[in-house]
Protein backbone atom coordinates (compact mmCIF):
# COMPACT_ATOMS: atom_id res chain seq x y z
CA UNK A 1 36.53 112.19 -16.24
CA UNK A 2 32.99 112.76 -14.29
CA UNK A 3 32.88 114.49 -10.80
CA UNK A 4 31.23 112.64 -8.14
CA UNK A 5 29.91 114.20 -5.07
CA UNK A 6 29.44 112.64 -1.55
CA UNK A 7 30.92 111.90 1.90
CA UNK A 8 34.08 110.66 3.08
CA UNK A 9 33.53 108.31 6.09
CA UNK A 10 36.48 107.51 8.49
CA UNK A 11 35.89 104.78 10.67
CA UNK A 12 38.24 103.38 13.50
CA UNK A 13 38.28 99.69 13.90
CA UNK A 14 39.57 98.61 17.33
CA UNK A 15 41.84 95.85 17.85
CA UNK A 16 40.38 92.48 18.43
CA UNK A 17 41.61 88.74 18.61
CA UNK A 18 44.82 88.80 16.66
CA UNK A 19 44.34 91.74 14.63
CA UNK A 20 45.75 95.51 15.01
CA UNK A 21 43.25 98.55 14.76
CA UNK A 22 43.20 100.38 11.80
CA UNK A 23 41.32 103.23 10.09
CA UNK A 24 38.78 102.55 7.06
CA UNK A 25 38.00 105.42 4.73
CA UNK A 26 35.22 105.01 2.42
CA UNK A 27 33.50 107.20 -0.04
CA UNK A 28 29.84 107.35 0.18
CA UNK A 29 28.13 109.06 -2.75
CA UNK A 30 25.10 111.07 -2.78
CA UNK A 31 23.18 109.82 -5.61
CA UNK A 32 23.74 106.37 -7.63
CA UNK A 33 24.99 102.99 -7.18
CA UNK A 34 28.72 102.93 -7.41
CA UNK A 35 30.75 99.96 -6.47
CA UNK A 36 32.79 101.64 -3.52
CA UNK A 37 35.19 99.92 -1.15
CA UNK A 38 36.71 101.05 2.10
CA UNK A 39 40.98 101.84 2.16
CA UNK A 40 42.35 100.59 5.17
CA UNK A 41 45.19 102.75 6.93
CA UNK A 42 47.03 100.98 9.39
CA UNK A 43 48.14 104.10 11.32
CA UNK A 44 47.45 107.76 12.13
CA UNK A 45 50.32 108.86 9.61
CA UNK A 46 48.79 106.64 6.67
CA UNK A 47 45.44 107.91 7.25
CA UNK A 48 46.73 111.52 6.96
CA UNK A 49 48.65 110.42 3.87
CA UNK A 50 45.32 108.82 2.03
CA UNK A 51 43.43 112.36 2.92
CA UNK A 52 46.18 114.42 1.71
CA UNK A 53 46.27 112.26 -1.65
CA UNK A 54 42.72 112.64 -1.85
CA UNK A 55 43.57 116.36 -2.23
CA UNK A 56 42.46 117.60 1.47
CA UNK A 57 45.53 120.19 2.84
CA UNK A 58 47.59 118.85 5.43
CA UNK A 59 46.07 120.89 8.38
CA UNK A 60 42.36 119.72 7.24
CA UNK A 61 43.80 116.00 7.01
CA UNK A 62 45.34 116.18 10.35
CA UNK A 63 42.18 117.48 12.01
CA UNK A 64 40.08 115.03 10.17
CA UNK A 65 42.56 112.21 11.29
CA UNK A 66 42.39 113.42 14.84
CA UNK A 67 38.58 113.51 15.22
CA UNK A 68 38.68 110.14 13.93
CA UNK A 69 40.94 108.79 16.41
CA UNK A 70 38.83 110.10 19.25
CA UNK A 71 35.31 109.98 18.03
CA UNK A 72 35.36 106.72 16.25
CA UNK A 73 33.57 107.60 13.15
CA UNK A 74 33.79 111.04 10.92
CA UNK A 75 31.81 112.00 7.98
CA UNK A 76 33.33 114.61 5.89
CA UNK A 77 30.46 116.12 4.15
CA UNK A 78 30.20 117.43 0.48
CA UNK A 79 33.52 116.02 -0.98
CA UNK A 80 33.57 116.70 -5.07
CA UNK A 81 36.37 114.69 -6.57
CA UNK A 82 36.78 113.09 -9.97
CA UNK A 83 36.17 109.25 -10.39
CA UNK A 84 39.58 109.17 -11.84
CA UNK A 85 41.30 110.45 -8.37
CA UNK A 86 38.60 107.83 -6.59
CA UNK A 87 39.51 105.15 -8.73
CA UNK A 88 43.71 105.88 -8.22
CA UNK A 89 43.04 106.07 -4.70
CA UNK A 90 41.21 102.75 -4.35
CA UNK A 91 37.69 104.02 -3.47
CA UNK A 92 36.23 103.16 -6.27
CA UNK A 93 36.22 99.57 -8.14
């Protein structure tokens, strides 16, 4: 159960031909080569749920989700979580 430190990157992917818009949440580690993969959220509420599952409180999760919706790309700096939690949420392979 190692602790990993890095950024959470939230990217808004706009609708394209036949695809609905969605959000991508990815863990970007500060050091090391890790097999990371983004998690997709289909709506604002799904994004808030994913962030709360990553141990952000509800107010912070809603604030970051709102910034992602308005700005397109948001980095949440200095996130320290266990590899087990990140694996359970689908952010690590």
